[in-house]
Amino acid sequence: MSKLVPAVLLLLTALLTPVFAQSKAEPPVPVRTVPPDYPDELRRDGVSGLVMVKCTIDEQGNVSGTEVEKSSNAAFEKPALNALKKWKFKPAKQDGTPVAIKVSIPIKFVFES
């Protein structure tokens, strides 16, 4: 699970950089992440997966309006949504002012024996 958070942060940065490079804006930056609970059955079976979650990061850096965009396995969806709701961000800024933004965040579940 320790490799999960850096992978998510790297993917989040890669997804947000092109959008903000074209304007005078700053992307949201994760300041607290919570790894998702790995479903016991999928861990036991050695199943890895990915859940893409669309959400809003508000002006205070809180996550809301989470919605699964796509998922490799439905059993990963609830743990991914529950974990992401506990994340905290430094909010996105436009011309120095915090703004709400919709983003897609990949949550990876990587099985390690």
C-alpha atoms as a PDB file:
ATOM      1  CA  MET A   1       0.000   0.000   0.000  1.00  0.00           C
ATOM      2  CA  SER A   2       2.961   2.350   0.535  1.00  0.00           C
ATOM      3  CA  LYS A   3       3.504   2.535  -3.243  1.00  0.00           C
ATOM      4  CA  LEU A   4      -0.152   3.467  -3.806  1.00  0.00           C
ATOM      5  CA  VAL A   5      -0.005   7.095  -2.656  1.00  0.00           C
ATOM      6  CA  PRO A   6       3.065   8.158  -4.710  1.00  0.00           C
ATOM      7  CA  ALA A   7       1.561   6.559  -7.829  1.00  0.00           C
ATOM      8  CA  VAL A   8      -1.706   8.435  -7.321  1.00  0.00           C
ATOM      9  CA  LEU A   9       0.076  11.739  -6.713  1.00  0.00           C
ATOM     10  CA  LEU A  10       2.224  11.308  -9.817  1.00  0.00           C
ATOM     11  CA  LEU A  11      -0.797  10.530 -11.980  1.00  0.00           C
ATOM     12  CA  LEU A  12      -2.779  13.428 -10.503  1.00  0.00           C
ATOM     13  CA  THR A  13       0.051  15.839 -11.263  1.00  0.00           C
ATOM     14  CA  ALA A  14       0.347  14.530 -14.820  1.00  0.00           C
ATOM     15  CA  LEU A  15      -3.386  14.907 -15.406  1.00  0.00           C
ATOM     16  CA  LEU A  16      -3.603  18.466 -14.069  1.00  0.00           C
ATOM     17  CA  THR A  17      -0.422  20.005 -15.487  1.00  0.00           C
ATOM     18  CA  PRO A  18      -1.584  20.491 -19.121  1.00  0.00           C
ATOM     19  CA  VAL A  19      -4.763  22.272 -18.018  1.00  0.00           C
ATOM     20  CA  PHE A  20      -2.994  24.739 -15.765  1.00  0.00           C
ATOM     21  CA  ALA A  21       0.031  25.300 -18.006  1.00  0.00           C
ATOM     22  CA  GLN A  22      -2.192  27.208 -20.441  1.00  0.00           C
ATOM     23  CA  SER A  23      -3.460  29.762 -17.892  1.00  0.00           C
ATOM     24  CA  LYS A  24      -2.237  31.762 -14.905  1.00  0.00           C
ATOM     25  CA  ALA A  25      -3.579  29.226 -12.499  1.00  0.00           C
ATOM     26  CA  GLU A  26      -2.247  26.804  -9.933  1.00  0.00           C
ATOM     27  CA  PRO A  27      -3.539  23.223  -9.780  1.00  0.00           C
ATOM     28  CA  PRO A  28      -4.733  21.704  -6.512  1.00  0.00           C
ATOM     29  CA  VAL A  29      -2.027  19.921  -4.560  1.00  0.00           C
ATOM     30  CA  PRO A  30      -2.732  16.964  -2.249  1.00  0.00           C
ATOM     31  CA  VAL A  31      -1.638  17.710   1.314  1.00  0.00           C
ATOM     32  CA  ARG A  32      -3.272  14.697   2.997  1.00  0.00           C
ATOM     33  CA  THR A  33      -4.041  11.416   1.280  1.00  0.00           C
ATOM     34  CA  VAL A  34      -5.660   8.320   2.685  1.00  0.00           C
ATOM     35  CA  PRO A  35      -5.034   4.966   1.015  1.00  0.00           C
ATOM     36  CA  PRO A  36      -8.152   2.975   0.185  1.00  0.00           C
ATOM     37  CA  ASP A  37      -9.021  -0.210   2.029  1.00  0.00           C
ATOM     38  CA  TYR A  38      -8.177  -3.183  -0.166  1.00  0.00           C
ATOM     39  CA  PRO A  39     -11.204  -5.512  -0.360  1.00  0.00           C
ATOM     40  CA  ASP A  40     -10.257  -8.765   1.413  1.00  0.00           C
ATOM     41  CA  GLU A  41     -11.592 -11.029  -1.324  1.00  0.00           C
ATOM     42  CA  LEU A  42      -9.658  -9.213  -4.055  1.00  0.00           C
ATOM     43  CA  ARG A  43      -6.476  -9.156  -1.970  1.00  0.00           C
ATOM     44  CA  ARG A  44      -6.853 -12.886  -1.295  1.00  0.00           C
ATOM     45  CA  ASP A  45      -7.297 -13.524  -5.031  1.00  0.00           C
ATOM     46  CA  GLY A  46      -4.351 -11.279  -5.977  1.00  0.00           C
ATOM     47  CA  VAL A  47      -6.498  -8.866  -8.001  1.00  0.00           C
ATOM     48  CA  SER A  48      -5.152  -5.389  -8.836  1.00  0.00           C
ATOM     49  CA  GLY A  49      -7.208  -2.603 -10.347  1.00  0.00           C
ATOM     50  CA  LEU A  50      -7.902   1.040 -11.063  1.00  0.00           C
ATOM     51  CA  VAL A  51     -10.801   3.365 -10.307  1.00  0.00           C
ATOM     52  CA  MET A  52     -11.012   6.762 -12.037  1.00  0.00           C
ATOM     53  CA  VAL A  53     -12.933   9.158  -9.802  1.00  0.00           C
ATOM     54  CA  LYS A  54     -14.310  12.511 -10.931  1.00  0.00           C
ATOM     55  CA  CYS A  55     -14.709  14.960  -8.070  1.00  0.00           C
ATOM     56  CA  THR A  56     -14.786  18.601  -7.100  1.00  0.00           C
ATOM     57  CA  ILE A  57     -12.081  20.158  -4.984  1.00  0.00           C
ATOM     58  CA  ASP A  58     -13.608  23.244  -3.389  1.00  0.00           C
ATOM     59  CA  GLU A  59     -12.036  26.579  -2.456  1.00  0.00           C
ATOM     60  CA  GLN A  60     -11.028  25.183   0.947  1.00  0.00           C
ATOM     61  CA  GLY A  61      -9.363  22.096  -0.564  1.00  0.00           C
ATOM     62  CA  ASN A  62     -12.107  19.656   0.443  1.00  0.00           C
ATOM     63  CA  VAL A  63     -13.264  16.861  -1.847  1.00  0.00           C
ATOM     64  CA  SER A  64     -16.943  16.609  -2.763  1.00  0.00           C
ATOM     65  CA  GLY A  65     -19.208  15.284  -5.478  1.00  0.00           C
ATOM     66  CA  THR A  66     -17.252  12.078  -6.011  1.00  0.00           C
ATOM     67  CA  GLU A  67     -18.371   9.931  -8.925  1.00  0.00           C
ATOM     68  CA  VAL A  68     -16.814   6.859 -10.518  1.00  0.00           C
ATOM     69  CA  GLU A  69     -15.911   7.524 -14.155  1.00  0.00           C
ATOM     70  CA  LYS A  70     -14.601   4.046 -14.843  1.00  0.00           C
ATOM     71  CA  SER A  71     -13.482   1.062 -12.872  1.00  0.00           C
ATOM     72  CA  SER A  72     -11.700  -2.199 -13.522  1.00  0.00           C
ATOM     73  CA  ASN A  73     -13.722  -3.922 -10.788  1.00  0.00           C
ATOM     74  CA  ALA A  74     -16.891  -2.739  -9.028  1.00  0.00           C
ATOM     75  CA  ALA A  75     -15.591  -4.035  -5.678  1.00  0.00           C
ATOM     76  CA  PHE A  76     -12.863  -1.353  -5.725  1.00  0.00           C
ATOM     77  CA  GLU A  77     -15.304   1.539  -6.225  1.00  0.00           C
ATOM     78  CA  LYS A  78     -16.655   2.071  -2.701  1.00  0.00           C
ATOM     79  CA  PRO A  79     -13.213   1.871  -1.022  1.00  0.00           C
ATOM     80  CA  ALA A  80     -11.818   4.341  -3.585  1.00  0.00           C
ATOM     81  CA  LEU A  81     -14.672   6.821  -3.034  1.00  0.00           C
ATOM     82  CA  ASN A  82     -14.477   6.508   0.762  1.00  0.00           C
ATOM     83  CA  ALA A  83     -10.720   7.126   0.792  1.00  0.00           C
ATOM     84  CA  LEU A  84     -10.854  10.083  -1.587  1.00  0.00           C
ATOM     85  CA  LYS A  85     -13.484  11.846   0.533  1.00  0.00           C
ATOM     86  CA  LYS A  86     -10.873  11.971   3.334  1.00  0.00           C
ATOM     87  CA  TRP A  87      -8.217  13.635   1.179  1.00  0.00           C
ATOM     88  CA  LYS A  88      -7.302  17.291   1.668  1.00  0.00           C
ATOM     89  CA  PHE A  89      -5.820  19.588  -0.965  1.00  0.00           C
ATOM     90  CA  LYS A  90      -4.178  22.952  -1.194  1.00  0.00           C
ATOM     91  CA  PRO A  91      -6.916  24.424  -3.416  1.00  0.00           C
ATOM     92  CA  ALA A  92      -6.492  25.393  -7.036  1.00  0.00           C
ATOM     93  CA  LYS A  93      -5.934  29.103  -7.582  1.00  0.00           C
ATOM     94  CA  GLN A  94      -6.781  31.456 -10.408  1.00  0.00           C
ATOM     95  CA  ASP A  95      -4.874  34.749 -10.271  1.00  0.00           C
ATOM     96  CA  GLY A  96      -4.027  34.024  -6.625  1.00  0.00           C
ATOM     97  CA  THR A  97      -7.631  33.374  -5.569  1.00  0.00           C
ATOM     98  CA  PRO A  98      -8.712  29.877  -4.449  1.00  0.00           C
ATOM     99  CA  VAL A  99     -11.235  28.341  -6.850  1.00  0.00           C
ATOM    100  CA  ALA A 100     -13.263  25.142  -7.005  1.00  0.00           C
ATOM    101  CA  ILE A 101     -12.292  22.747  -9.768  1.00  0.00           C
ATOM    102  CA  LYS A 102     -13.432  19.400 -11.142  1.00  0.00           C
ATOM    103  CA  VAL A 103     -10.696  16.820 -11.566  1.00  0.00           C
ATOM    104  CA  SER A 104     -10.324  13.137 -12.360  1.00  0.00           C
ATOM    105  CA  ILE A 105      -8.170  11.212  -9.923  1.00  0.00           C
ATOM    106  CA  PRO A 106      -6.896   7.671 -10.531  1.00  0.00           C
ATOM    107  CA  ILE A 107      -6.960   5.397  -7.498  1.00  0.00           C
ATOM    108  CA  LYS A 108      -4.782   2.335  -8.060  1.00  0.00           C
ATOM    109  CA  PHE A 109      -5.079  -0.929  -6.190  1.00  0.00           C
ATOM    110  CA  VAL A 110      -1.819  -2.818  -6.599  1.00  0.00           C
ATOM    111  CA  PHE A 111      -1.563  -6.322  -5.202  1.00  0.00           C
ATOM    112  CA  GLU A 112       1.792  -7.114  -3.638  1.00  0.00           C
ATOM    113  CA  SER A 113       2.404 -10.583  -2.267  1.00  0.00           C
END
